[in-house]
Amino acid sequence: MLVDIDQFYRQLRAVHANDYHLCFYCGCIACQKDYAPPRDHLHSYLSRSLSADFLIVPACKECSVFLKGSQLPLVEQRRQLVQNKLKQKYKQAIHVYLSWSEDEVSEMEGNLLLSISAGVKLGEESFIRSSYIGYDFELDGQRNSKSHFVSPVVSVFGQQFNDLKTAITACSQRYDIYAAQLSEDLAKHDNNLEAVILDIQDQQQQKAYRRELNSQCLRFAKQHKLSRMQVVNAVERYIDKNADLTIPQALQQYYEQRVQYY
């Protein structure tokens, strides 16, 4: 006798009419069902009393493809997997969306406007899908709020923003950093916008220091008929020995200890 596997699962159902037939993972139209844990692994979870949700979840075709082969037993784990795959697949489009403001796009013309607008539209849709928090749902007659799955707001140096796009736009203006650079560097810092800003500021400070170092060493080198790199290397050695030295102080020590005797 065949066993109806679905009897071991509960159906996750949307509470509000606007959410009927929507994918719980990304908000697109749901045309398939996802099982958490997958039906192929149901026996293992039941026999070993492993932790699992045992839910049937409305899912769209793309999310179902993302989840194919996944053995994750919890809906929240599966949602996270889907969203990571969405972010990776539409990485370039999301970057375009996060990099361009509405005001900047409105100033464009011709093919550039069409190209950027299309990228922004796809990026916005992908960004929303990859940040989707689900919807209020019902299980066994009990209502569950989507706040159970909600991701925290974006916090940057104590200031909170409702979403990443708003945060990037505000931080771009406040810290005078291109939005495109903030967006591009997010992946390197695990989507930590604070870490991105601090890293960029550190790079800017280092570049400014190198420019000043080269400028002062070049003037010194011309004055004393030396090569610029010779002076730069000497100054860096002095500063390595004493980090409190300024560039002029290091140059002065170099002059007093070396240059004036030749």
C-alpha atoms as a PDB file:
ATOM      1  CA  MET A   1       0.000   0.000   0.000  1.00  0.00           C
ATOM      2  CA  LEU A   2       1.379   3.384  -1.032  1.00  0.00           C
ATOM      3  CA  VAL A   3       1.795   5.956   1.722  1.00  0.00           C
ATOM      4  CA  ASP A   4       0.706   9.511   1.089  1.00  0.00           C
ATOM      5  CA  ILE A   5       3.899  11.361   1.972  1.00  0.00           C
ATOM      6  CA  ASP A   6       2.107  14.708   2.114  1.00  0.00           C
ATOM      7  CA  GLN A   7       0.308  13.590   5.274  1.00  0.00           C
ATOM      8  CA  PHE A   8       3.528  14.159   7.197  1.00  0.00           C
ATOM      9  CA  TYR A   9       3.673  17.804   6.091  1.00  0.00           C
ATOM     10  CA  ARG A  10       1.625  20.871   6.950  1.00  0.00           C
ATOM     11  CA  GLN A  11       0.611  23.358   4.275  1.00  0.00           C
ATOM     12  CA  LEU A  12       1.897  26.914   4.699  1.00  0.00           C
ATOM     13  CA  ARG A  13      -0.988  29.164   3.610  1.00  0.00           C
ATOM     14  CA  ALA A  14      -1.037  32.923   3.165  1.00  0.00           C
ATOM     15  CA  VAL A  15      -3.328  34.811   5.524  1.00  0.00           C
ATOM     16  CA  HIS A  16      -4.028  37.816   3.308  1.00  0.00           C
ATOM     17  CA  ALA A  17      -5.607  37.650  -0.133  1.00  0.00           C
ATOM     18  CA  ASN A  18      -2.846  39.777  -1.695  1.00  0.00           C
ATOM     19  CA  ASP A  19      -0.356  37.043  -0.827  1.00  0.00           C
ATOM     20  CA  TYR A  20      -2.322  34.125  -2.246  1.00  0.00           C
ATOM     21  CA  HIS A  21      -0.368  32.227  -4.922  1.00  0.00           C
ATOM     22  CA  LEU A  22       2.885  34.052  -4.133  1.00  0.00           C
ATOM     23  CA  CYS A  23       6.228  32.341  -3.666  1.00  0.00           C
ATOM     24  CA  PHE A  24       7.089  32.493   0.022  1.00  0.00           C
ATOM     25  CA  TYR A  25      10.787  32.785  -0.777  1.00  0.00           C
ATOM     26  CA  CYS A  26      10.856  35.696  -3.233  1.00  0.00           C
ATOM     27  CA  GLY A  27       7.327  37.052  -3.783  1.00  0.00           C
ATOM     28  CA  CYS A  28       6.914  35.984  -7.419  1.00  0.00           C
ATOM     29  CA  ILE A  29       3.922  33.971  -8.630  1.00  0.00           C
ATOM     30  CA  ALA A  30       4.041  30.496  -7.085  1.00  0.00           C
ATOM     31  CA  CYS A  31       3.416  27.637  -9.490  1.00  0.00           C
ATOM     32  CA  GLN A  32       5.118  24.820  -7.592  1.00  0.00           C
ATOM     33  CA  LYS A  33       5.494  23.383  -4.101  1.00  0.00           C
ATOM     34  CA  ASP A  34       8.642  23.153  -2.036  1.00  0.00           C
ATOM     35  CA  TYR A  35       8.987  20.628   0.766  1.00  0.00           C
ATOM     36  CA  ALA A  36      10.996  21.365   3.908  1.00  0.00           C
ATOM     37  CA  PRO A  37      12.612  18.918   4.340  1.00  0.00           C
ATOM     38  CA  PRO A  38      12.584  17.423   0.823  1.00  0.00           C
ATOM     39  CA  ARG A  39      10.301  14.400   0.439  1.00  0.00           C
ATOM     40  CA  ASP A  40      13.225  12.216  -0.640  1.00  0.00           C
ATOM     41  CA  HIS A  41      14.763  12.693   2.802  1.00  0.00           C
ATOM     42  CA  LEU A  42      11.578  12.558   4.870  1.00  0.00           C
ATOM     43  CA  HIS A  43      12.210   9.045   6.208  1.00  0.00           C
ATOM     44  CA  SER A  44      15.642  10.042   7.510  1.00  0.00           C
ATOM     45  CA  TYR A  45      14.248  12.982   9.462  1.00  0.00           C
ATOM     46  CA  LEU A  46      11.351  10.977  10.865  1.00  0.00           C
ATOM     47  CA  SER A  47      13.326   7.891  11.847  1.00  0.00           C
ATOM     48  CA  ARG A  48      16.116   9.870  13.486  1.00  0.00           C
ATOM     49  CA  SER A  49      13.850  12.533  15.024  1.00  0.00           C
ATOM     50  CA  LEU A  50      15.880  15.281  13.391  1.00  0.00           C
ATOM     51  CA  SER A  51      14.762  18.902  13.586  1.00  0.00           C
ATOM     52  CA  ALA A  52      12.696  19.927  10.560  1.00  0.00           C
ATOM     53  CA  ASP A  53       9.714  22.139   9.719  1.00  0.00           C
ATOM     54  CA  PHE A  54       7.734  19.528   7.747  1.00  0.00           C
ATOM     55  CA  LEU A  55       6.069  22.228   5.678  1.00  0.00           C
ATOM     56  CA  ILE A  56       4.758  22.491   2.128  1.00  0.00           C
ATOM     57  CA  VAL A  57       5.735  25.932   0.890  1.00  0.00           C
ATOM     58  CA  PRO A  58       4.411  27.811  -2.179  1.00  0.00           C
ATOM     59  CA  ALA A  59       7.356  28.447  -4.521  1.00  0.00           C
ATOM     60  CA  CYS A  60       7.998  29.882  -7.958  1.00  0.00           C
ATOM     61  CA  LYS A  61       9.785  27.957 -10.698  1.00  0.00           C
ATOM     62  CA  GLU A  62      13.128  29.724 -10.304  1.00  0.00           C
ATOM     63  CA  CYS A  63      13.245  29.245  -6.530  1.00  0.00           C
ATOM     64  CA  SER A  64      12.362  25.573  -7.013  1.00  0.00           C
ATOM     65  CA  VAL A  65      15.325  25.234  -9.369  1.00  0.00           C
ATOM     66  CA  PHE A  66      17.589  26.905  -6.821  1.00  0.00           C
ATOM     67  CA  LEU A  67      16.410  24.485  -4.148  1.00  0.00           C
ATOM     68  CA  LYS A  68      16.767  21.363  -6.266  1.00  0.00           C
ATOM     69  CA  GLY A  69      19.115  18.975  -4.519  1.00  0.00           C
ATOM     70  CA  SER A  70      19.105  20.928  -1.253  1.00  0.00           C
ATOM     71  CA  GLN A  71      18.535  18.822   1.865  1.00  0.00           C
ATOM     72  CA  LEU A  72      17.958  21.780   4.191  1.00  0.00           C
ATOM     73  CA  PRO A  73      15.033  20.954   6.538  1.00  0.00           C
ATOM     74  CA  LEU A  74      14.031  24.430   7.723  1.00  0.00           C
ATOM     75  CA  VAL A  75      12.081  26.979   5.700  1.00  0.00           C
ATOM     76  CA  GLU A  76      14.288  29.828   6.888  1.00  0.00           C
ATOM     77  CA  GLN A  77      17.406  27.956   5.778  1.00  0.00           C
ATOM     78  CA  ARG A  78      15.893  27.329   2.375  1.00  0.00           C
ATOM     79  CA  ARG A  79      14.824  30.949   2.055  1.00  0.00           C
ATOM     80  CA  GLN A  80      18.374  32.069   2.827  1.00  0.00           C
ATOM     81  CA  LEU A  81      19.780  29.700   0.230  1.00  0.00           C
ATOM     82  CA  VAL A  82      17.376  31.030  -2.405  1.00  0.00           C
ATOM     83  CA  GLN A  83      18.172  34.634  -1.620  1.00  0.00           C
ATOM     84  CA  ASN A  84      21.922  34.037  -1.777  1.00  0.00           C
ATOM     85  CA  LYS A  85      21.501  32.423  -5.200  1.00  0.00           C
ATOM     86  CA  LEU A  86      19.328  35.315  -6.391  1.00  0.00           C
ATOM     87  CA  LYS A  87      21.967  37.805  -5.273  1.00  0.00           C
ATOM     88  CA  GLN A  88      24.658  35.875  -7.088  1.00  0.00           C
ATOM     89  CA  LYS A  89      22.706  35.328 -10.304  1.00  0.00           C
ATOM     90  CA  TYR A  90      21.590  38.955 -10.589  1.00  0.00           C
ATOM     91  CA  LYS A  91      24.696  40.465  -9.027  1.00  0.00           C
ATOM     92  CA  GLN A  92      25.424  42.847 -11.915  1.00  0.00           C
ATOM     93  CA  ALA A  93      21.834  44.078 -12.218  1.00  0.00           C
ATOM     94  CA  ILE A  94      21.587  44.658  -8.457  1.00  0.00           C
ATOM     95  CA  HIS A  95      24.863  46.580  -8.624  1.00  0.00           C
ATOM     96  CA  VAL A  96      23.404  48.843 -11.333  1.00  0.00           C
ATOM     97  CA  TYR A  97      20.252  49.407  -9.257  1.00  0.00           C
ATOM     98  CA  LEU A  98      22.204  50.297  -6.123  1.00  0.00           C
ATOM     99  CA  SER A  99      24.631  52.530  -8.028  1.00  0.00           C
ATOM    100  CA  TRP A 100      22.232  54.889  -9.835  1.00  0.00           C
ATOM    101  CA  SER A 101      19.743  57.261  -8.233  1.00  0.00           C
ATOM    102  CA  GLU A 102      16.491  58.294  -9.922  1.00  0.00           C
ATOM    103  CA  ASP A 103      17.826  61.838 -10.381  1.00  0.00           C
ATOM    104  CA  GLU A 104      20.950  60.556 -12.156  1.00  0.00           C
ATOM    105  CA  VAL A 105      18.948  58.310 -14.483  1.00  0.00           C
ATOM    106  CA  SER A 106      16.511  61.125 -15.316  1.00  0.00           C
ATOM    107  CA  GLU A 107      19.406  63.201 -16.697  1.00  0.00           C
ATOM    108  CA  MET A 108      20.391  60.517 -19.239  1.00  0.00           C
ATOM    109  CA  GLU A 109      19.350  60.374 -22.868  1.00  0.00           C
ATOM    110  CA  GLY A 110      19.176  57.968 -25.806  1.00  0.00           C
ATOM    111  CA  ASN A 111      20.627  54.477 -25.682  1.00  0.00           C
ATOM    112  CA  LEU A 112      22.376  55.110 -22.376  1.00  0.00           C
ATOM    113  CA  LEU A 113      19.043  55.936 -20.757  1.00  0.00           C
ATOM    114  CA  LEU A 114      17.434  52.792 -22.184  1.00  0.00           C
ATOM    115  CA  SER A 115      20.331  50.589 -21.106  1.00  0.00           C
ATOM    116  CA  ILE A 116      20.660  51.944 -17.568  1.00  0.00           C
ATOM    117  CA  SER A 117      16.891  52.075 -17.055  1.00  0.00           C
ATOM    118  CA  ALA A 118      16.561  48.416 -18.051  1.00  0.00           C
ATOM    119  CA  GLY A 119      19.401  47.474 -15.723  1.00  0.00           C
ATOM    120  CA  VAL A 120      17.912  49.465 -12.853  1.00  0.00           C
ATOM    121  CA  LYS A 121      14.494  47.867 -13.375  1.00  0.00           C
ATOM    122  CA  LEU A 122      15.892  44.319 -13.387  1.00  0.00           C
ATOM    123  CA  GLY A 123      18.169  45.159 -10.482  1.00  0.00           C
ATOM    124  CA  GLU A 124      15.333  46.588  -8.412  1.00  0.00           C
ATOM    125  CA  GLU A 125      13.173  43.522  -9.023  1.00  0.00           C
ATOM    126  CA  SER A 126      16.076  41.199  -8.172  1.00  0.00           C
ATOM    127  CA  PHE A 127      16.997  43.209  -5.088  1.00  0.00           C
ATOM    128  CA  ILE A 128      13.413  43.087  -3.796  1.00  0.00           C
ATOM    129  CA  ARG A 129      13.192  39.349  -4.448  1.00  0.00           C
ATOM    130  CA  SER A 130      16.524  38.684  -2.737  1.00  0.00           C
ATOM    131  CA  SER A 131      15.402  40.710   0.295  1.00  0.00           C
ATOM    132  CA  TYR A 132      11.856  39.339   0.474  1.00  0.00           C
ATOM    133  CA  ILE A 133      10.708  38.599   4.027  1.00  0.00           C
ATOM    134  CA  GLY A 134       7.769  36.341   3.242  1.00  0.00           C
ATOM    135  CA  TYR A 135       4.194  36.996   4.356  1.00  0.00           C
ATOM    136  CA  ASP A 136       1.828  36.289   7.224  1.00  0.00           C
ATOM    137  CA  PHE A 137       0.894  32.625   7.051  1.00  0.00           C
ATOM    138  CA  GLU A 138      -1.367  30.116   8.746  1.00  0.00           C
ATOM    139  CA  LEU A 139      -0.482  26.680  10.119  1.00  0.00           C
ATOM    140  CA  ASP A 140      -3.015  24.411  11.784  1.00  0.00           C
ATOM    141  CA  GLY A 141      -5.359  27.348  12.279  1.00  0.00           C
ATOM    142  CA  GLN A 142      -2.705  29.492  13.953  1.00  0.00           C
ATOM    143  CA  ARG A 143      -1.521  32.733  12.379  1.00  0.00           C
ATOM    144  CA  ASN A 144       2.216  33.379  12.149  1.00  0.00           C
ATOM    145  CA  SER A 145       3.635  36.810  11.436  1.00  0.00           C
ATOM    146  CA  LYS A 146       6.228  37.350   8.739  1.00  0.00           C
ATOM    147  CA  SER A 147       8.237  39.205  11.399  1.00  0.00           C
ATOM    148  CA  HIS A 148       9.407  35.718  12.381  1.00  0.00           C
ATOM    149  CA  PHE A 149      11.548  35.808   9.251  1.00  0.00           C
ATOM    150  CA  VAL A 150      12.199  39.542   8.912  1.00  0.00           C
ATOM    151  CA  SER A 151      15.768  40.701   8.376  1.00  0.00           C
ATOM    152  CA  PRO A 152      17.078  43.604  10.453  1.00  0.00           C
ATOM    153  CA  VAL A 153      17.155  47.124   9.059  1.00  0.00           C
ATOM    154  CA  VAL A 154      20.453  48.452   7.735  1.00  0.00           C
ATOM    155  CA  SER A 155      22.386  50.242  10.465  1.00  0.00           C
ATOM    156  CA  VAL A 156      25.352  52.467   9.611  1.00  0.00           C
ATOM    157  CA  PHE A 157      27.244  54.154  12.436  1.00  0.00           C
ATOM    158  CA  GLY A 158      24.116  54.331  14.581  1.00  0.00           C
ATOM    159  CA  GLN A 159      21.790  55.558  11.817  1.00  0.00           C
ATOM    160  CA  GLN A 160      19.139  53.116  10.627  1.00  0.00           C
ATOM    161  CA  PHE A 161      17.752  52.764   7.114  1.00  0.00           C
ATOM    162  CA  ASN A 162      14.797  50.743   5.871  1.00  0.00           C
ATOM    163  CA  ASP A 163      16.777  49.159   3.041  1.00  0.00           C
ATOM    164  CA  LEU A 164      20.239  48.932   1.513  1.00  0.00           C
ATOM    165  CA  LYS A 165      19.479  51.219  -1.443  1.00  0.00           C
ATOM    166  CA  THR A 166      18.477  54.084   0.851  1.00  0.00           C
ATOM    167  CA  ALA A 167      21.527  53.477   3.039  1.00  0.00           C
ATOM    168  CA  ILE A 168      23.923  53.526   0.081  1.00  0.00           C
ATOM    169  CA  THR A 169      22.424  56.715  -1.348  1.00  0.00           C
ATOM    170  CA  ALA A 170      22.627  58.503   2.007  1.00  0.00           C
ATOM    171  CA  CYS A 171      26.150  57.294   2.767  1.00  0.00           C
ATOM    172  CA  SER A 172      27.347  58.199  -0.724  1.00  0.00           C
ATOM    173  CA  GLN A 173      26.301  61.790  -0.115  1.00  0.00           C
ATOM    174  CA  ARG A 174      27.468  61.972   3.504  1.00  0.00           C
ATOM    175  CA  TYR A 175      30.915  60.446   3.021  1.00  0.00           C
ATOM    176  CA  ASP A 176      31.521  61.667  -0.540  1.00  0.00           C
ATOM    177  CA  ILE A 177      31.987  58.145  -1.913  1.00  0.00           C
ATOM    178  CA  TYR A 178      30.553  56.997  -5.219  1.00  0.00           C
ATOM    179  CA  ALA A 179      27.470  54.809  -4.742  1.00  0.00           C
ATOM    180  CA  ALA A 180      28.846  52.405  -7.352  1.00  0.00           C
ATOM    181  CA  GLN A 181      31.977  51.878  -5.260  1.00  0.00           C
ATOM    182  CA  LEU A 182      29.943  51.265  -2.102  1.00  0.00           C
ATOM    183  CA  SER A 183      27.776  48.747  -3.935  1.00  0.00           C
ATOM    184  CA  GLU A 184      30.702  46.988  -5.607  1.00  0.00           C
ATOM    185  CA  ASP A 185      32.660  46.551  -2.360  1.00  0.00           C
ATOM    186  CA  LEU A 186      29.757  45.094  -0.361  1.00  0.00           C
ATOM    187  CA  ALA A 187      30.540  41.522  -1.385  1.00  0.00           C
ATOM    188  CA  LYS A 188      34.093  41.845  -0.053  1.00  0.00           C
ATOM    189  CA  HIS A 189      32.766  42.858   3.366  1.00  0.00           C
ATOM    190  CA  ASP A 190      29.841  40.439   3.792  1.00  0.00           C
ATOM    191  CA  ASN A 191      27.304  43.217   3.009  1.00  0.00           C
ATOM    192  CA  ASN A 192      28.556  45.278   5.960  1.00  0.00           C
ATOM    193  CA  LEU A 193      28.219  48.874   4.752  1.00  0.00           C
ATOM    194  CA  GLU A 194      30.100  50.265   7.756  1.00  0.00           C
ATOM    195  CA  ALA A 195      33.091  48.053   6.945  1.00  0.00           C
ATOM    196  CA  VAL A 196      32.944  49.166   3.293  1.00  0.00           C
ATOM    197  CA  ILE A 197      33.004  52.854   4.240  1.00  0.00           C
ATOM    198  CA  LEU A 198      35.853  52.411   6.737  1.00  0.00           C
ATOM    199  CA  ASP A 199      37.894  50.448   4.184  1.00  0.00           C
ATOM    200  CA  ILE A 200      37.358  53.042   1.452  1.00  0.00           C
ATOM    201  CA  GLN A 201      38.225  55.889   3.824  1.00  0.00           C
ATOM    202  CA  ASP A 202      41.382  54.036   4.858  1.00  0.00           C
ATOM    203  CA  GLN A 203      42.334  53.607   1.199  1.00  0.00           C
ATOM    204  CA  GLN A 204      41.675  57.304   0.567  1.00  0.00           C
ATOM    205  CA  GLN A 205      43.852  58.270   3.525  1.00  0.00           C
ATOM    206  CA  GLN A 206      46.637  55.996   2.343  1.00  0.00           C
ATOM    207  CA  LYS A 207      46.495  57.456  -1.169  1.00  0.00           C
ATOM    208  CA  ALA A 208      46.521  60.999   0.211  1.00  0.00           C
ATOM    209  CA  TYR A 209      49.501  60.127   2.409  1.00  0.00           C
ATOM    210  CA  ARG A 210      51.393  58.608  -0.538  1.00  0.00           C
ATOM    211  CA  ARG A 211      50.723  61.685  -2.653  1.00  0.00           C
ATOM    212  CA  GLU A 212      52.011  63.956   0.114  1.00  0.00           C
ATOM    213  CA  LEU A 213      55.013  61.714   0.749  1.00  0.00           C
ATOM    214  CA  ASN A 214      55.978  61.675  -2.921  1.00  0.00           C
ATOM    215  CA  SER A 215      55.424  65.417  -3.265  1.00  0.00           C
ATOM    216  CA  GLN A 216      57.604  66.374  -0.287  1.00  0.00           C
ATOM    217  CA  CYS A 217      60.292  63.828  -1.137  1.00  0.00           C
ATOM    218  CA  LEU A 218      60.422  65.062  -4.734  1.00  0.00           C
ATOM    219  CA  ARG A 219      61.005  68.660  -3.599  1.00  0.00           C
ATOM    220  CA  PHE A 220      63.674  67.478  -1.170  1.00  0.00           C
ATOM    221  CA  ALA A 221      65.327  65.335  -3.844  1.00  0.00           C
ATOM    222  CA  LYS A 222      65.499  68.207  -6.349  1.00  0.00           C
ATOM    223  CA  GLN A 223      66.893  70.544  -3.713  1.00  0.00           C
ATOM    224  CA  HIS A 224      69.695  68.152  -2.787  1.00  0.00           C
ATOM    225  CA  LYS A 225      70.204  66.497  -6.180  1.00  0.00           C
ATOM    226  CA  LEU A 226      69.019  63.059  -5.074  1.00  0.00           C
ATOM    227  CA  SER A 227      66.607  60.566  -6.601  1.00  0.00           C
ATOM    228  CA  ARG A 228      63.029  60.712  -5.394  1.00  0.00           C
ATOM    229  CA  MET A 229      62.856  56.978  -4.618  1.00  0.00           C
ATOM    230  CA  GLN A 230      66.070  57.214  -2.597  1.00  0.00           C
ATOM    231  CA  VAL A 231      64.488  59.893  -0.439  1.00  0.00           C
ATOM    232  CA  VAL A 232      61.148  58.079  -0.162  1.00  0.00           C
ATOM    233  CA  ASN A 233      62.839  54.881   0.971  1.00  0.00           C
ATOM    234  CA  ALA A 234      64.890  56.741   3.549  1.00  0.00           C
ATOM    235  CA  VAL A 235      61.850  58.571   4.949  1.00  0.00           C
ATOM    236  CA  GLU A 236      59.874  55.339   5.185  1.00  0.00           C
ATOM    237  CA  ARG A 237      62.726  53.710   7.126  1.00  0.00           C
ATOM    238  CA  TYR A 238      62.744  56.551   9.634  1.00  0.00           C
ATOM    239  CA  ILE A 239      58.966  56.390  10.049  1.00  0.00           C
ATOM    240  CA  ASP A 240      59.063  52.594  10.405  1.00  0.00           C
ATOM    241  CA  LYS A 241      61.431  53.055  13.346  1.00  0.00           C
ATOM    242  CA  ASN A 242      59.313  55.830  14.884  1.00  0.00           C
ATOM    243  CA  ALA A 243      55.651  55.931  13.842  1.00  0.00           C
ATOM    244  CA  ASP A 244      55.185  59.298  15.570  1.00  0.00           C
ATOM    245  CA  LEU A 245      57.395  61.071  13.053  1.00  0.00           C
ATOM    246  CA  THR A 246      55.793  63.281  10.424  1.00  0.00           C
ATOM    247  CA  ILE A 247      57.147  63.383   6.884  1.00  0.00           C
ATOM    248  CA  PRO A 248      58.912  66.761   7.433  1.00  0.00           C
ATOM    249  CA  GLN A 249      60.457  65.466  10.666  1.00  0.00           C
ATOM    250  CA  ALA A 250      61.691  62.324   8.928  1.00  0.00           C
ATOM    251  CA  LEU A 251      63.157  64.438   6.118  1.00  0.00           C
ATOM    252  CA  GLN A 252      64.897  66.636   8.651  1.00  0.00           C
ATOM    253  CA  GLN A 253      66.466  63.618  10.355  1.00  0.00           C
ATOM    254  CA  TYR A 254      67.531  62.252   7.002  1.00  0.00           C
ATOM    255  CA  TYR A 255      69.168  65.538   6.149  1.00  0.00           C
ATOM    256  CA  GLU A 256      70.931  65.885   9.488  1.00  0.00           C
ATOM    257  CA  GLN A 257      72.153  62.290   9.658  1.00  0.00           C
ATOM    258  CA  ARG A 258      72.954  61.641   6.002  1.00  0.00           C
ATOM    259  CA  VAL A 259      72.569  64.326   3.372  1.00  0.00           C
ATOM    260  CA  GLN A 260      74.453  67.238   4.890  1.00  0.00           C
ATOM    261  CA  TYR A 261      77.687  65.244   5.022  1.00  0.00           C
ATOM    262  CA  TYR A 262      77.754  64.537   1.282  1.00  0.00           C
END
